[in-house]
Amino acid sequence: MNLGQLKVNIQDLPDVTCPECECPHFIMTIGLKKVSALQSPTGVEQWVSVPGVLVCLNCGKPMDPEKEEGVESKSEEDSIEKKADSLIISP
């Protein structure tokens, strides 16, 4: 018996739905940051992806999984910057 693991039946867990339209489906978005050629380790301008936000598939409302509610007045860029304070870019 392994005491470090808990077996959970996923069918028994409650669904998370959009507080705006009650849709149970979400899309994970990504943000993009542009790295100038001067900052890039390769000397070439690059795009770097950063974690984005969950967005309701039906109405497009951004979601905050930590609060289990929609994000009111945050822009997607504000949310991305809070999640990724710094990036390490390797060639």
Protein backbone atom coordinates (compact mmCIF):
# COMPACT_ATOMS: atom_id res chain seq x y z
CA MET A 1 0.00 0.00 0.00
CA ASN A 2 1.43 3.36 -1.05
CA LEU A 3 0.46 6.06 1.46
CA GLY A 4 1.72 8.88 -0.78
CA GLN A 5 -0.95 8.40 -3.46
CA LEU A 6 -4.64 9.10 -3.35
CA LYS A 7 -6.98 7.44 -5.84
CA VAL A 8 -9.66 9.77 -7.10
CA ASN A 9 -12.38 8.88 -9.58
CA ILE A 10 -12.46 11.79 -12.02
CA GLN A 11 -16.17 11.14 -12.67
CA ASP A 12 -16.90 12.02 -9.02
CA LEU A 13 -15.30 15.48 -9.26
CA PRO A 14 -17.47 18.55 -9.91
CA ASP A 15 -17.24 20.24 -13.30
CA VAL A 16 -15.89 23.78 -13.51
CA THR A 17 -18.05 26.00 -15.70
CA CYS A 18 -17.77 29.54 -16.97
CA PRO A 19 -19.49 31.93 -14.54
CA GLU A 20 -20.71 33.97 -17.52
CA CYS A 21 -22.34 31.32 -19.73
CA GLU A 22 -21.90 28.03 -17.76
CA CYS A 23 -19.97 26.38 -20.61
CA PRO A 24 -17.73 23.55 -19.27
CA HIS A 25 -15.10 23.86 -22.02
CA PHE A 26 -12.00 26.09 -22.02
CA ILE A 27 -9.03 26.80 -24.29
CA MET A 28 -5.49 27.36 -22.98
CA THR A 29 -3.98 30.40 -24.67
CA ILE A 30 -0.34 31.43 -24.91
CA GLY A 31 1.26 34.83 -24.97
CA LEU A 32 4.15 35.85 -27.16
CA LYS A 33 7.09 38.08 -26.27
CA LYS A 34 9.48 39.47 -28.85
CA VAL A 35 13.19 39.23 -28.05
CA SER A 36 15.31 41.71 -29.98
CA ALA A 37 18.38 40.54 -31.85
CA LEU A 38 20.55 42.40 -29.32
CA GLN A 39 19.04 40.44 -26.41
CA SER A 40 18.90 37.09 -28.19
CA PRO A 41 21.72 34.56 -27.63
CA THR A 42 21.67 33.75 -31.35
CA GLY A 43 21.78 37.37 -32.50
CA VAL A 44 18.50 36.88 -34.34
CA GLU A 45 15.12 38.35 -33.31
CA GLN A 46 12.96 35.64 -31.69
CA TRP A 47 9.49 35.12 -30.34
CA VAL A 48 9.16 33.38 -26.99
CA SER A 49 5.92 31.81 -25.80
CA VAL A 50 4.80 32.40 -22.22
CA PRO A 51 1.91 30.81 -20.32
CA GLY A 52 -1.40 32.44 -21.06
CA VAL A 53 -4.84 32.15 -19.54
CA LEU A 54 -7.81 29.83 -19.81
CA VAL A 55 -10.56 31.24 -22.02
CA CYS A 56 -14.16 30.00 -22.21
CA LEU A 57 -14.76 28.24 -25.53
CA ASN A 58 -18.29 29.64 -25.79
CA CYS A 59 -18.10 33.29 -24.70
CA GLY A 60 -14.33 33.98 -24.63
CA LYS A 61 -14.26 35.16 -21.00
CA PRO A 62 -10.80 34.74 -19.41
CA MET A 63 -10.81 32.45 -16.35
CA ASP A 64 -8.74 32.53 -13.17
CA PRO A 65 -8.34 28.90 -12.00
CA GLU A 66 -7.08 30.00 -8.59
CA LYS A 67 -10.32 31.87 -7.89
CA GLU A 68 -12.57 29.59 -9.96
CA GLU A 69 -14.23 32.64 -11.46
CA GLY A 70 -13.90 34.85 -14.48
CA VAL A 71 -11.23 37.50 -14.66
CA GLU A 72 -12.97 40.85 -14.52
CA SER A 73 -10.82 43.69 -15.76
CA LYS A 74 -7.41 42.10 -16.31
CA SER A 75 -6.00 42.13 -19.79
CA GLU A 76 -4.43 38.89 -21.03
CA GLU A 77 -1.05 40.61 -21.13
CA ASP A 78 -1.27 41.56 -17.42
CA SER A 79 -2.01 37.94 -16.50
CA ILE A 80 0.87 36.65 -18.59
CA GLU A 81 3.38 39.07 -17.05
CA LYS A 82 2.44 37.97 -13.52
CA LYS A 83 3.02 34.31 -14.40
CA ALA A 84 6.34 34.80 -16.18
CA ASP A 85 8.55 37.34 -14.45
CA SER A 86 11.65 36.33 -16.36
CA LEU A 87 12.54 34.08 -19.24
CA ILE A 88 15.65 32.09 -20.02
CA ILE A 89 16.29 31.88 -23.73
CA SER A 90 18.69 29.31 -25.06
CA PRO A 91 19.78 28.91 -28.69
